[in-house]
Amino acid sequence: MKVAHQEHVGVNQNIVFEQVLTNEGGGYHQNHGVFIAPQSGIYVFSSAIMCFPNGEVLADMVNNGNPVPRINCHSDSGRHDQGSQTAVIKMNAGDEVPARNYCHADDSIWGALFTSFSGNLVWLQ
C-alpha cells in the first residue's frame, strides 16, 4: 500500500495508505488506515516512512494499542530521510495493526512510492 503526501499528521493519528496494491482477504481498511486480521495466525508487517526535507517523523506500528516497532526518519541539509521496520506478530482474528504518528503534533510524510505498509499472513493457526 502506498500513501500520498500527508501534512499536519497529528499525534497518534493513523497514517492512511490510500493506494492499495493487493488486499486479499480484505485485512486492510483504507478508510481508517488499519489492518484488521481476518483470521488468527502469524503475520509479518513492514512499513517505510519518508519525511520531507529537513523534517522528522516518529511513527510506530501498533498491535491492539501497543507499540511494536518504532520508525524514525530525521532529515537535514535539505535532504529526505526514510526509516523502516518489520515486525512478526501473533494475532487473533479481529486484532488491529495500524502505522501511526506517535510524537510530533504536526508531522509531514512524503508519499508517492517512498512510504509504504504491508501486512501478510505467514502461518495460519
PDB file of N, CA and C in Angstrom:
ATOM      1  N   MET A   1       0.840  -1.157   0.000  1.00  0.00           N
ATOM      2  CA  MET A   1       0.000   0.000   0.000  1.00  0.00           C
ATOM      3  C   MET A   1       0.891   1.229   0.000  1.00  0.00           C
ATOM      4  N   LYS A   2       0.455   2.252  -0.680  1.00  0.00           N
ATOM      5  CA  LYS A   2       1.242   3.469  -0.776  1.00  0.00           C
ATOM      6  C   LYS A   2       0.418   4.643  -0.264  1.00  0.00           C
ATOM      7  N   VAL A   3       1.121   5.684   0.112  1.00  0.00           N
ATOM      8  CA  VAL A   3       0.473   6.866   0.656  1.00  0.00           C
ATOM      9  C   VAL A   3       0.836   8.082  -0.200  1.00  0.00           C
ATOM     10  N   ALA A   4      -0.091   9.013  -0.327  1.00  0.00           N
ATOM     11  CA  ALA A   4       0.214  10.302  -0.943  1.00  0.00           C
ATOM     12  C   ALA A   4       0.856  11.174   0.135  1.00  0.00           C
ATOM     13  N   HIS A   5       1.371  12.319  -0.252  1.00  0.00           N
ATOM     14  CA  HIS A   5       1.925  13.228   0.748  1.00  0.00           C
ATOM     15  C   HIS A   5       0.846  13.523   1.784  1.00  0.00           C
ATOM     16  N   GLN A   6       1.227  13.492   3.057  1.00  0.00           N
ATOM     17  CA  GLN A   6       0.299  13.835   4.133  1.00  0.00           C
ATOM     18  C   GLN A   6       0.969  14.877   5.006  1.00  0.00           C
ATOM     19  N   GLU A   7       0.310  16.013   5.167  1.00  0.00           N
ATOM     20  CA  GLU A   7       0.842  17.075   6.008  1.00  0.00           C
ATOM     21  C   GLU A   7      -0.048  17.244   7.224  1.00  0.00           C
ATOM     22  N   HIS A   8       0.534  17.743   8.286  1.00  0.00           N
ATOM     23  CA  HIS A   8      -0.174  18.030   9.539  1.00  0.00           C
ATOM     24  C   HIS A   8      -0.753  16.764  10.174  1.00  0.00           C
ATOM     25  N   VAL A   9       0.034  15.696  10.184  1.00  0.00           N
ATOM     26  CA  VAL A   9      -0.401  14.442  10.798  1.00  0.00           C
ATOM     27  C   VAL A   9      -0.294  14.605  12.311  1.00  0.00           C
ATOM     28  N   GLY A  10      -1.385  14.377  13.013  1.00  0.00           N
ATOM     29  CA  GLY A  10      -1.427  14.587  14.457  1.00  0.00           C
ATOM     30  C   GLY A  10      -0.852  13.422  15.251  1.00  0.00           C
ATOM     31  N   VAL A  11      -0.623  13.652  16.526  1.00  0.00           N
ATOM     32  CA  VAL A  11      -0.120  12.630  17.434  1.00  0.00           C
ATOM     33  C   VAL A  11      -1.147  11.500  17.542  1.00  0.00           C
ATOM     34  N   ASN A  12      -0.666  10.268  17.442  1.00  0.00           N
ATOM     35  CA  ASN A  12      -1.484   9.049  17.499  1.00  0.00           C
ATOM     36  C   ASN A  12      -2.478   8.937  16.346  1.00  0.00           C
ATOM     37  N   GLN A  13      -2.267   9.680  15.292  1.00  0.00           N
ATOM     38  CA  GLN A  13      -3.117   9.582  14.102  1.00  0.00           C
ATOM     39  C   GLN A  13      -2.586   8.476  13.204  1.00  0.00           C
ATOM     40  N   ASN A  14      -3.486   7.610  12.742  1.00  0.00           N
ATOM     41  CA  ASN A  14      -3.095   6.575  11.787  1.00  0.00           C
ATOM     42  C   ASN A  14      -2.652   7.208  10.481  1.00  0.00           C
ATOM     43  N   ILE A  15      -1.641   6.600   9.875  1.00  0.00           N
ATOM     44  CA  ILE A  15      -1.202   7.000   8.544  1.00  0.00           C
ATOM     45  C   ILE A  15      -2.056   6.204   7.559  1.00  0.00           C
ATOM     46  N   VAL A  16      -2.766   6.899   6.710  1.00  0.00           N
ATOM     47  CA  VAL A  16      -3.701   6.256   5.789  1.00  0.00           C
ATOM     48  C   VAL A  16      -2.995   6.000   4.455  1.00  0.00           C
ATOM     49  N   PHE A  17      -2.937   4.750   4.072  1.00  0.00           N
ATOM     50  CA  PHE A  17      -2.331   4.339   2.810  1.00  0.00           C
ATOM     51  C   PHE A  17      -3.468   4.104   1.829  1.00  0.00           C
ATOM     52  N   GLU A  18      -3.697   5.081   0.957  1.00  0.00           N
ATOM     53  CA  GLU A  18      -4.898   5.025   0.125  1.00  0.00           C
ATOM     54  C   GLU A  18      -4.722   4.278  -1.174  1.00  0.00           C
ATOM     55  N   GLN A  19      -3.497   4.051  -1.611  1.00  0.00           N
ATOM     56  CA  GLN A  19      -3.315   3.276  -2.837  1.00  0.00           C
ATOM     57  C   GLN A  19      -2.989   1.841  -2.451  1.00  0.00           C
ATOM     58  N   VAL A  20      -3.986   0.988  -2.521  1.00  0.00           N
ATOM     59  CA  VAL A  20      -3.852  -0.406  -2.130  1.00  0.00           C
ATOM     60  C   VAL A  20      -3.527  -1.237  -3.366  1.00  0.00           C
ATOM     61  N   LEU A  21      -2.403  -1.916  -3.326  1.00  0.00           N
ATOM     62  CA  LEU A  21      -1.989  -2.728  -4.473  1.00  0.00           C
ATOM     63  C   LEU A  21      -2.627  -4.112  -4.426  1.00  0.00           C
ATOM     64  N   THR A  22      -2.623  -4.752  -3.256  1.00  0.00           N
ATOM     65  CA  THR A  22      -3.216  -6.075  -3.076  1.00  0.00           C
ATOM     66  C   THR A  22      -3.841  -6.124  -1.692  1.00  0.00           C
ATOM     67  N   ASN A  23      -5.038  -6.660  -1.591  1.00  0.00           N
ATOM     68  CA  ASN A  23      -5.707  -6.772  -0.298  1.00  0.00           C
ATOM     69  C   ASN A  23      -6.518  -8.066  -0.253  1.00  0.00           C
ATOM     70  N   GLU A  24      -5.853  -9.173  -0.549  1.00  0.00           N
ATOM     71  CA  GLU A  24      -6.519 -10.477  -0.492  1.00  0.00           C
ATOM     72  C   GLU A  24      -6.943 -10.746   0.947  1.00  0.00           C
ATOM     73  N   GLY A  25      -8.169 -11.118   1.141  1.00  0.00           N
ATOM     74  CA  GLY A  25      -8.684 -11.356   2.486  1.00  0.00           C
ATOM     75  C   GLY A  25      -9.294 -10.116   3.119  1.00  0.00           C
ATOM     76  N   GLY A  26      -9.069  -8.945   2.519  1.00  0.00           N
ATOM     77  CA  GLY A  26      -9.701  -7.713   2.998  1.00  0.00           C
ATOM     78  C   GLY A  26      -9.222  -7.227   4.345  1.00  0.00           C
ATOM     79  N   GLY A  27      -7.996  -7.539   4.734  1.00  0.00           N
ATOM     80  CA  GLY A  27      -7.495  -7.153   6.053  1.00  0.00           C
ATOM     81  C   GLY A  27      -7.234  -5.669   6.216  1.00  0.00           C
ATOM     82  N   TYR A  28      -6.835  -4.980   5.130  1.00  0.00           N
ATOM     83  CA  TYR A  28      -6.525  -3.556   5.254  1.00  0.00           C
ATOM     84  C   TYR A  28      -7.776  -2.728   5.016  1.00  0.00           C
ATOM     85  N   HIS A  29      -8.068  -1.838   5.950  1.00  0.00           N
ATOM     86  CA  HIS A  29      -9.233  -0.958   5.879  1.00  0.00           C
ATOM     87  C   HIS A  29      -8.732   0.456   5.609  1.00  0.00           C
ATOM     88  N   GLN A  30      -8.725   0.834   4.335  1.00  0.00           N
ATOM     89  CA  GLN A  30      -8.063   2.067   3.944  1.00  0.00           C
ATOM     90  C   GLN A  30      -8.762   3.326   4.430  1.00  0.00           C
ATOM     91  N   ASN A  31     -10.028   3.283   4.756  1.00  0.00           N
ATOM     92  CA  ASN A  31     -10.704   4.478   5.286  1.00  0.00           C
ATOM     93  C   ASN A  31     -10.172   4.868   6.655  1.00  0.00           C
ATOM     94  N   HIS A  32      -9.644   3.889   7.397  1.00  0.00           N
ATOM     95  CA  HIS A  32      -9.161   4.141   8.755  1.00  0.00           C
ATOM     96  C   HIS A  32      -7.657   3.922   8.899  1.00  0.00           C
ATOM     97  N   GLY A  33      -6.997   3.424   7.862  1.00  0.00           N
ATOM     98  CA  GLY A  33      -5.566   3.193   7.915  1.00  0.00           C
ATOM     99  C   GLY A  33      -5.181   2.109   8.897  1.00  0.00           C
ATOM    100  N   VAL A  34      -5.940   1.019   8.923  1.00  0.00           N
ATOM    101  CA  VAL A  34      -5.666  -0.051   9.884  1.00  0.00           C
ATOM    102  C   VAL A  34      -5.811  -1.415   9.214  1.00  0.00           C
ATOM    103  N   PHE A  35      -4.915  -2.335   9.578  1.00  0.00           N
ATOM    104  CA  PHE A  35      -5.020  -3.721   9.158  1.00  0.00           C
ATOM    105  C   PHE A  35      -5.709  -4.481  10.286  1.00  0.00           C
ATOM    106  N   ILE A  36      -6.788  -5.185   9.959  1.00  0.00           N
ATOM    107  CA  ILE A  36      -7.522  -5.996  10.934  1.00  0.00           C
ATOM    108  C   ILE A  36      -7.405  -7.446  10.484  1.00  0.00           C
ATOM    109  N   ALA A  37      -6.819  -8.269  11.350  1.00  0.00           N
ATOM    110  CA  ALA A  37      -6.567  -9.670  10.999  1.00  0.00           C
ATOM    111  C   ALA A  37      -7.877 -10.381  10.676  1.00  0.00           C
ATOM    112  N   PRO A  38      -8.021 -10.905   9.453  1.00  0.00           N
ATOM    113  CA  PRO A  38      -9.239 -11.625   9.100  1.00  0.00           C
ATOM    114  C   PRO A  38      -9.300 -13.010   9.748  1.00  0.00           C
ATOM    115  N   GLN A  39      -8.141 -13.531  10.156  1.00  0.00           N
ATOM    116  CA  GLN A  39      -8.098 -14.831  10.832  1.00  0.00           C
ATOM    117  C   GLN A  39      -6.876 -14.887  11.742  1.00  0.00           C
ATOM    118  N   SER A  40      -6.903 -15.784  12.700  1.00  0.00           N
ATOM    119  CA  SER A  40      -5.789 -15.926  13.635  1.00  0.00           C
ATOM    120  C   SER A  40      -4.581 -16.534  12.941  1.00  0.00           C
ATOM    121  N   GLY A  41      -3.392 -16.084  13.343  1.00  0.00           N
ATOM    122  CA  GLY A  41      -2.169 -16.622  12.776  1.00  0.00           C
ATOM    123  C   GLY A  41      -0.976 -15.741  13.067  1.00  0.00           C
ATOM    124  N   ILE A  42       0.116 -16.035  12.399  1.00  0.00           N
ATOM    125  CA  ILE A  42       1.340 -15.246  12.498  1.00  0.00           C
ATOM    126  C   ILE A  42       1.405 -14.344  11.269  1.00  0.00           C
ATOM    127  N   TYR A  43       1.587 -13.058  11.491  1.00  0.00           N
ATOM    128  CA  TYR A  43       1.626 -12.062  10.430  1.00  0.00           C
ATOM    129  C   TYR A  43       2.980 -11.353  10.429  1.00  0.00           C
ATOM    130  N   VAL A  44       3.411 -10.953   9.252  1.00  0.00           N
ATOM    131  CA  VAL A  44       4.597 -10.118   9.107  1.00  0.00           C
ATOM    132  C   VAL A  44       4.138  -8.757   8.586  1.00  0.00           C
ATOM    133  N   PHE A  45       4.564  -7.701   9.276  1.00  0.00           N
ATOM    134  CA  PHE A  45       4.239  -6.330   8.887  1.00  0.00           C
ATOM    135  C   PHE A  45       5.526  -5.584   8.578  1.00  0.00           C
ATOM    136  N   SER A  46       5.498  -4.781   7.539  1.00  0.00           N
ATOM    137  CA  SER A  46       6.624  -3.923   7.181  1.00  0.00           C
ATOM    138  C   SER A  46       6.092  -2.547   6.848  1.00  0.00           C
ATOM    139  N   SER A  47       6.850  -1.543   7.242  1.00  0.00           N
ATOM    140  CA  SER A  47       6.474  -0.183   6.897  1.00  0.00           C
ATOM    141  C   SER A  47       7.734   0.643   6.692  1.00  0.00           C
ATOM    142  N   ALA A  48       7.672   1.531   5.719  1.00  0.00           N
ATOM    143  CA  ALA A  48       8.736   2.501   5.465  1.00  0.00           C
ATOM    144  C   ALA A  48       8.085   3.878   5.416  1.00  0.00           C
ATOM    145  N   ILE A  49       8.691   4.836   6.103  1.00  0.00           N
ATOM    146  CA  ILE A  49       8.165   6.191   6.170  1.00  0.00           C
ATOM    147  C   ILE A  49       9.254   7.153   5.709  1.00  0.00           C
ATOM    148  N   MET A  50       8.932   8.024   4.762  1.00  0.00           N
ATOM    149  CA  MET A  50       9.875   9.048   4.326  1.00  0.00           C
ATOM    150  C   MET A  50       9.356  10.406   4.780  1.00  0.00           C
ATOM    151  N   CYS A  51      10.275  11.215   5.329  1.00  0.00           N
ATOM    152  CA  CYS A  51       9.879  12.555   5.752  1.00  0.00           C
ATOM    153  C   CYS A  51      10.326  13.592   4.729  1.00  0.00           C
ATOM    154  N   PHE A  52       9.718  14.753   4.813  1.00  0.00           N
ATOM    155  CA  PHE A  52      10.051  15.866   3.937  1.00  0.00           C
ATOM    156  C   PHE A  52      11.481  16.326   4.208  1.00  0.00           C
ATOM    157  N   PRO A  53      12.103  17.035   3.275  1.00  0.00           N
ATOM    158  CA  PRO A  53      13.431  17.583   3.536  1.00  0.00           C
ATOM    159  C   PRO A  53      13.421  18.441   4.810  1.00  0.00           C
ATOM    160  N   ASN A  54      14.447  18.256   5.619  1.00  0.00           N
ATOM    161  CA  ASN A  54      14.599  18.960   6.899  1.00  0.00           C
ATOM    162  C   ASN A  54      13.455  18.664   7.859  1.00  0.00           C
ATOM    163  N   GLY A  55      12.844  17.504   7.753  1.00  0.00           N
ATOM    164  CA  GLY A  55      11.735  17.132   8.625  1.00  0.00           C
ATOM    165  C   GLY A  55      12.067  15.931   9.479  1.00  0.00           C
ATOM    166  N   GLU A  56      11.131  15.592  10.321  1.00  0.00           N
ATOM    167  CA  GLU A  56      11.280  14.411  11.174  1.00  0.00           C
ATOM    168  C   GLU A  56       9.907  13.786  11.365  1.00  0.00           C
ATOM    169  N   VAL A  57       9.858  12.468  11.293  1.00  0.00           N
ATOM    170  CA  VAL A  57       8.636  11.728  11.582  1.00  0.00           C
ATOM    171  C   VAL A  57       9.011  10.576  12.510  1.00  0.00           C
ATOM    172  N   LEU A  58       8.301  10.464  13.602  1.00  0.00           N
ATOM    173  CA  LEU A  58       8.441   9.340  14.515  1.00  0.00           C
ATOM    174  C   LEU A  58       7.128   8.584  14.455  1.00  0.00           C
ATOM    175  N   ALA A  59       7.179   7.379  13.913  1.00  0.00           N
ATOM    176  CA  ALA A  59       5.971   6.575  13.719  1.00  0.00           C
ATOM    177  C   ALA A  59       6.183   5.220  14.381  1.00  0.00           C
ATOM    178  N   ASP A  60       5.118   4.481  14.511  1.00  0.00           N
ATOM    179  CA  ASP A  60       5.224   3.114  15.007  1.00  0.00           C
ATOM    180  C   ASP A  60       4.129   2.265  14.401  1.00  0.00           C
ATOM    181  N   MET A  61       4.344   0.960  14.444  1.00  0.00           N
ATOM    182  CA  MET A  61       3.287   0.013  14.134  1.00  0.00           C
ATOM    183  C   MET A  61       2.742  -0.430  15.478  1.00  0.00           C
ATOM    184  N   VAL A  62       1.433  -0.482  15.578  1.00  0.00           N
ATOM    185  CA  VAL A  62       0.776  -0.686  16.866  1.00  0.00           C
ATOM    186  C   VAL A  62      -0.090  -1.940  16.791  1.00  0.00           C
ATOM    187  N   ASN A  63       0.061  -2.828  17.764  1.00  0.00           N
ATOM    188  CA  ASN A  63      -0.763  -4.037  17.837  1.00  0.00           C
ATOM    189  C   ASN A  63      -1.739  -3.885  18.987  1.00  0.00           C
ATOM    190  N   ASN A  64      -3.011  -3.695  18.662  1.00  0.00           N
ATOM    191  CA  ASN A  64      -4.065  -3.514  19.665  1.00  0.00           C
ATOM    192  C   ASN A  64      -3.721  -2.429  20.670  1.00  0.00           C
ATOM    193  N   GLY A  65      -3.181  -1.304  20.177  1.00  0.00           N
ATOM    194  CA  GLY A  65      -2.869  -0.165  21.034  1.00  0.00           C
ATOM    195  C   GLY A  65      -1.471  -0.171  21.618  1.00  0.00           C
ATOM    196  N   ASN A  66      -0.720  -1.253  21.437  1.00  0.00           N
ATOM    197  CA  ASN A  66       0.631  -1.351  21.995  1.00  0.00           C
ATOM    198  C   ASN A  66       1.674  -1.208  20.891  1.00  0.00           C
ATOM    199  N   PRO A  67       2.597  -0.235  21.031  1.00  0.00           N
ATOM    200  CA  PRO A  67       3.643  -0.087  20.016  1.00  0.00           C
ATOM    201  C   PRO A  67       4.479  -1.359  19.911  1.00  0.00           C
ATOM    202  N   VAL A  68       4.769  -1.754  18.680  1.00  0.00           N
ATOM    203  CA  VAL A  68       5.603  -2.937  18.462  1.00  0.00           C
ATOM    204  C   VAL A  68       6.988  -2.442  18.040  1.00  0.00           C
ATOM    205  N   PRO A  69       7.243  -2.092  16.767  1.00  0.00           N
ATOM    206  CA  PRO A  69       8.494  -1.414  16.453  1.00  0.00           C
ATOM    207  C   PRO A  69       8.231   0.061  16.192  1.00  0.00           C
ATOM    208  N   ARG A  70       9.239   0.870  16.399  1.00  0.00           N
ATOM    209  CA  ARG A  70       9.152   2.295  16.097  1.00  0.00           C
ATOM    210  C   ARG A  70       9.972   2.601  14.854  1.00  0.00           C
ATOM    211  N   ILE A  71       9.532   3.615  14.134  1.00  0.00           N
ATOM    212  CA  ILE A  71      10.170   4.021  12.886  1.00  0.00           C
ATOM    213  C   ILE A  71      10.571   5.490  13.033  1.00  0.00           C
ATOM    214  N   ASN A  72      11.818   5.803  12.709  1.00  0.00           N
ATOM    215  CA  ASN A  72      12.305   7.167  12.839  1.00  0.00           C
ATOM    216  C   ASN A  72      12.932   7.608  11.530  1.00  0.00           C
ATOM    217  N   CYS A  73      12.509   8.752  11.025  1.00  0.00           N
ATOM    218  CA  CYS A  73      13.239   9.383   9.924  1.00  0.00           C
ATOM    219  C   CYS A  73      13.465  10.841  10.323  1.00  0.00           C
ATOM    220  N   HIS A  74      14.690  11.285  10.159  1.00  0.00           N
ATOM    221  CA  HIS A  74      15.100  12.629  10.556  1.00  0.00           C
ATOM    222  C   HIS A  74      16.042  13.152   9.482  1.00  0.00           C
ATOM    223  N   SER A  75      15.571  14.105   8.717  1.00  0.00           N
ATOM    224  CA  SER A  75      16.379  14.609   7.610  1.00  0.00           C
ATOM    225  C   SER A  75      16.954  15.983   7.942  1.00  0.00           C
ATOM    226  N   ASP A  76      18.067  16.296   7.308  1.00  0.00           N
ATOM    227  CA  ASP A  76      18.664  17.615   7.428  1.00  0.00           C
ATOM    228  C   ASP A  76      19.408  17.945   6.137  1.00  0.00           C
ATOM    229  N   SER A  77      19.994  19.103   6.060  1.00  0.00           N
ATOM    230  CA  SER A  77      20.756  19.553   4.889  1.00  0.00           C
ATOM    231  C   SER A  77      19.929  19.522   3.603  1.00  0.00           C
ATOM    232  N   GLY A  78      18.615  19.757   3.720  1.00  0.00           N
ATOM    233  CA  GLY A  78      17.756  19.817   2.548  1.00  0.00           C
ATOM    234  C   GLY A  78      17.462  18.485   1.889  1.00  0.00           C
ATOM    235  N   ARG A  79      17.717  17.389   2.584  1.00  0.00           N
ATOM    236  CA  ARG A  79      17.508  16.059   2.016  1.00  0.00           C
ATOM    237  C   ARG A  79      16.348  15.353   2.714  1.00  0.00           C
ATOM    238  N   HIS A  80      15.836  14.330   2.030  1.00  0.00           N
ATOM    239  CA  HIS A  80      14.836  13.444   2.631  1.00  0.00           C
ATOM    240  C   HIS A  80      15.549  12.423   3.509  1.00  0.00           C
ATOM    241  N   ASP A  81      14.781  11.750   4.361  1.00  0.00           N
ATOM    242  CA  ASP A  81      15.274  10.594   5.087  1.00  0.00           C
ATOM    243  C   ASP A  81      14.136   9.589   5.144  1.00  0.00           C
ATOM    244  N   GLN A  82      14.482   8.323   5.303  1.00  0.00           N
ATOM    245  CA  GLN A  82      13.481   7.265   5.368  1.00  0.00           C
ATOM    246  C   GLN A  82      13.846   6.298   6.480  1.00  0.00           C
ATOM    247  N   GLY A  83      12.852   5.913   7.249  1.00  0.00           N
ATOM    248  CA  GLY A  83      13.024   4.879   8.261  1.00  0.00           C
ATOM    249  C   GLY A  83      12.097   3.729   7.944  1.00  0.00           C
ATOM    250  N   SER A  84      12.480   2.522   8.376  1.00  0.00           N
ATOM    251  CA  SER A  84      11.632   1.358   8.111  1.00  0.00           C
ATOM    252  C   SER A  84      11.762   0.353   9.246  1.00  0.00           C
ATOM    253  N   GLN A  85      10.776  -0.499   9.362  1.00  0.00           N
ATOM    254  CA  GLN A  85      10.762  -1.566  10.357  1.00  0.00           C
ATOM    255  C   GLN A  85       9.966  -2.742   9.821  1.00  0.00           C
ATOM    256  N   THR A  86      10.255  -3.901  10.368  1.00  0.00           N
ATOM    257  CA  THR A  86       9.492  -5.118  10.104  1.00  0.00           C
ATOM    258  C   THR A  86       9.207  -5.780  11.441  1.00  0.00           C
ATOM    259  N   ALA A  87       8.004  -6.314  11.596  1.00  0.00           N
ATOM    260  CA  ALA A  87       7.618  -6.988  12.838  1.00  0.00           C
ATOM    261  C   ALA A  87       6.862  -8.260  12.515  1.00  0.00           C
ATOM    262  N   VAL A  88       7.117  -9.297  13.291  1.00  0.00           N
ATOM    263  CA  VAL A  88       6.374 -10.555  13.206  1.00  0.00           C
ATOM    264  C   VAL A  88       5.479 -10.599  14.438  1.00  0.00           C
ATOM    265  N   ILE A  89       4.168 -10.713  14.214  1.00  0.00           N
ATOM    266  CA  ILE A  89       3.200 -10.594  15.313  1.00  0.00           C
ATOM    267  C   ILE A  89       2.210 -11.752  15.268  1.00  0.00           C
ATOM    268  N   LYS A  90       2.013 -12.404  16.405  1.00  0.00           N
ATOM    269  CA  LYS A  90       0.956 -13.412  16.547  1.00  0.00           C
ATOM    270  C   LYS A  90      -0.340 -12.671  16.834  1.00  0.00           C
ATOM    271  N   MET A  91      -1.350 -12.909  15.979  1.00  0.00           N
ATOM    272  CA  MET A  91      -2.602 -12.166  16.089  1.00  0.00           C
ATOM    273  C   MET A  91      -3.794 -13.100  16.121  1.00  0.00           C
ATOM    274  N   ASN A  92      -4.818 -12.662  16.810  1.00  0.00           N
ATOM    275  CA  ASN A  92      -6.116 -13.327  16.768  1.00  0.00           C
ATOM    276  C   ASN A  92      -6.979 -12.616  15.728  1.00  0.00           C
ATOM    277  N   ALA A  93      -7.969 -13.310  15.204  1.00  0.00           N
ATOM    278  CA  ALA A  93      -8.901 -12.678  14.275  1.00  0.00           C
ATOM    279  C   ALA A  93      -9.481 -11.437  14.937  1.00  0.00           C
ATOM    280  N   GLY A  94      -9.473 -10.317  14.225  1.00  0.00           N
ATOM    281  CA  GLY A  94     -10.003  -9.059  14.746  1.00  0.00           C
ATOM    282  C   GLY A  94      -8.958  -8.153  15.384  1.00  0.00           C
ATOM    283  N   ASP A  95      -7.741  -8.653  15.651  1.00  0.00           N
ATOM    284  CA  ASP A  95      -6.677  -7.798  16.178  1.00  0.00           C
ATOM    285  C   ASP A  95      -6.304  -6.761  15.131  1.00  0.00           C
ATOM    286  N   GLU A  96      -5.832  -5.599  15.595  1.00  0.00           N
ATOM    287  CA  GLU A  96      -5.564  -4.480  14.699  1.00  0.00           C
ATOM    288  C   GLU A  96      -4.100  -4.057  14.715  1.00  0.00           C
ATOM    289  N   VAL A  97      -3.602  -3.652  13.550  1.00  0.00           N
ATOM    290  CA  VAL A  97      -2.263  -3.068  13.412  1.00  0.00           C
ATOM    291  C   VAL A  97      -2.334  -1.903  12.427  1.00  0.00           C
ATOM    292  N   PRO A  98      -2.237  -0.657  12.927  1.00  0.00           N
ATOM    293  CA  PRO A  98      -2.030   0.481  12.036  1.00  0.00           C
ATOM    294  C   PRO A  98      -0.572   0.932  12.123  1.00  0.00           C
ATOM    295  N   ALA A  99      -0.149   1.731  11.160  1.00  0.00           N
ATOM    296  CA  ALA A  99       1.067   2.529  11.301  1.00  0.00           C
ATOM    297  C   ALA A  99       0.573   3.911  11.690  1.00  0.00           C
ATOM    298  N   ARG A 100       1.182   4.526  12.707  1.00  0.00           N
ATOM    299  CA  ARG A 100       0.688   5.827  13.167  1.00  0.00           C
ATOM    300  C   ARG A 100       1.832   6.748  13.581  1.00  0.00           C
ATOM    301  N   ASN A 101       1.556   8.016  13.521  1.00  0.00           N
ATOM    302  CA  ASN A 101       2.470   9.036  14.024  1.00  0.00           C
ATOM    303  C   ASN A 101       2.368   9.026  15.545  1.00  0.00           C
ATOM    304  N   TYR A 102       3.482   9.011  16.254  1.00  0.00           N
ATOM    305  CA  TYR A 102       3.346   8.937  17.705  1.00  0.00           C
ATOM    306  C   TYR A 102       3.957  10.091  18.485  1.00  0.00           C
ATOM    307  N   CYS A 103       4.610  11.039  17.835  1.00  0.00           N
ATOM    308  CA  CYS A 103       5.337  12.004  18.657  1.00  0.00           C
ATOM    309  C   CYS A 103       4.967  13.456  18.399  1.00  0.00           C
ATOM    310  N   HIS A 104       5.223  13.961  17.213  1.00  0.00           N
ATOM    311  CA  HIS A 104       5.040  15.380  16.934  1.00  0.00           C
ATOM    312  C   HIS A 104       3.615  15.663  16.451  1.00  0.00           C
ATOM    313  N   ALA A 105       3.104  16.824  16.827  1.00  0.00           N
ATOM    314  CA  ALA A 105       1.712  17.165  16.526  1.00  0.00           C
ATOM    315  C   ALA A 105       1.487  17.647  15.106  1.00  0.00           C
ATOM    316  N   ASP A 106       2.551  17.841  14.330  1.00  0.00           N
ATOM    317  CA  ASP A 106       2.360  18.427  13.011  1.00  0.00           C
ATOM    318  C   ASP A 106       3.352  17.848  12.009  1.00  0.00           C
ATOM    319  N   ASP A 107       3.501  16.522  11.975  1.00  0.00           N
ATOM    320  CA  ASP A 107       4.457  15.887  11.073  1.00  0.00           C
ATOM    321  C   ASP A 107       3.928  15.871   9.644  1.00  0.00           C
ATOM    322  N   SER A 108       4.874  15.789   8.711  1.00  0.00           N
ATOM    323  CA  SER A 108       4.535  15.670   7.296  1.00  0.00           C
ATOM    324  C   SER A 108       5.243  14.457   6.716  1.00  0.00           C
ATOM    325  N   ILE A 109       4.516  13.668   5.951  1.00  0.00           N
ATOM    326  CA  ILE A 109       5.019  12.413   5.398  1.00  0.00           C
ATOM    327  C   ILE A 109       5.088  12.538   3.885  1.00  0.00           C
ATOM    328  N   TRP A 110       6.250  12.204   3.340  1.00  0.00           N
ATOM    329  CA  TRP A 110       6.452  12.232   1.896  1.00  0.00           C
ATOM    330  C   TRP A 110       5.888  10.939   1.336  1.00  0.00           C
ATOM    331  N   GLY A 111       5.015  11.029   0.379  1.00  0.00           N
ATOM    332  CA  GLY A 111       4.324   9.850  -0.128  1.00  0.00           C
ATOM    333  C   GLY A 111       4.936   9.281  -1.379  1.00  0.00           C
ATOM    334  N   ALA A 112       4.131   9.207  -2.404  1.00  0.00           N
ATOM    335  CA  ALA A 112       4.500   8.602  -3.686  1.00  0.00           C
ATOM    336  C   ALA A 112       4.909   7.150  -3.465  1.00  0.00           C
ATOM    337  N   LEU A 113       6.030   6.750  -3.986  1.00  0.00           N
ATOM    338  CA  LEU A 113       6.470   5.357  -3.859  1.00  0.00           C
ATOM    339  C   LEU A 113       7.442   5.161  -2.697  1.00  0.00           C
ATOM    340  N   PHE A 114       7.606   6.157  -1.831  1.00  0.00           N
ATOM    341  CA  PHE A 114       8.620   6.108  -0.785  1.00  0.00           C
ATOM    342  C   PHE A 114       8.077   5.764   0.594  1.00  0.00           C
ATOM    343  N   THR A 115       6.788   5.786   0.776  1.00  0.00           N
ATOM    344  CA  THR A 115       6.172   5.452   2.059  1.00  0.00           C
ATOM    345  C   THR A 115       5.197   4.305   1.815  1.00  0.00           C
ATOM    346  N   SER A 116       5.356   3.239   2.599  1.00  0.00           N
ATOM    347  CA  SER A 116       4.543   2.048   2.324  1.00  0.00           C
ATOM    348  C   SER A 116       4.262   1.272   3.612  1.00  0.00           C
ATOM    349  N   PHE A 117       3.310   0.348   3.507  1.00  0.00           N
ATOM    350  CA  PHE A 117       2.905  -0.504   4.625  1.00  0.00           C
ATOM    351  C   PHE A 117       2.422  -1.823   4.044  1.00  0.00           C
ATOM    352  N   SER A 118       2.782  -2.928   4.682  1.00  0.00           N
ATOM    353  CA  SER A 118       2.244  -4.217   4.240  1.00  0.00           C
ATOM    354  C   SER A 118       2.035  -5.131   5.438  1.00  0.00           C
ATOM    355  N   GLY A 119       1.014  -5.963   5.331  1.00  0.00           N
ATOM    356  CA  GLY A 119       0.730  -6.985   6.334  1.00  0.00           C
ATOM    357  C   GLY A 119       0.424  -8.287   5.619  1.00  0.00           C
ATOM    358  N   ASN A 120       1.079  -9.365   6.046  1.00  0.00           N
ATOM    359  CA  ASN A 120       0.927 -10.656   5.366  1.00  0.00           C
ATOM    360  C   ASN A 120       0.778 -11.784   6.360  1.00  0.00           C
ATOM    361  N   LEU A 121      -0.180 -12.636   6.137  1.00  0.00           N
ATOM    362  CA  LEU A 121      -0.344 -13.856   6.917  1.00  0.00           C
ATOM    363  C   LEU A 121       0.719 -14.851   6.471  1.00  0.00           C
ATOM    364  N   VAL A 122       1.543 -15.333   7.404  1.00  0.00           N
ATOM    365  CA  VAL A 122       2.581 -16.305   7.032  1.00  0.00           C
ATOM    366  C   VAL A 122       2.352 -17.680   7.645  1.00  0.00           C
ATOM    367  N   TRP A 123       1.522 -17.764   8.673  1.00  0.00           N
ATOM    368  CA  TRP A 123       1.211 -19.061   9.273  1.00  0.00           C
ATOM    369  C   TRP A 123      -0.183 -19.010   9.862  1.00  0.00           C
ATOM    370  N   LEU A 124      -1.026 -19.909   9.455  1.00  0.00           N
ATOM    371  CA  LEU A 124      -2.408 -19.975   9.901  1.00  0.00           C
ATOM    372  C   LEU A 124      -2.504 -20.820  11.156  1.00  0.00           C
ATOM    373  N   GLN A 125      -3.199 -20.313  12.165  1.00  0.00           N
ATOM    374  CA  GLN A 125      -3.392 -21.058  13.415  1.00  0.00           C
ATOM    375  C   GLN A 125      -4.583 -21.968  13.320  1.00  0.00           C
TER     376      GLN A 125
END
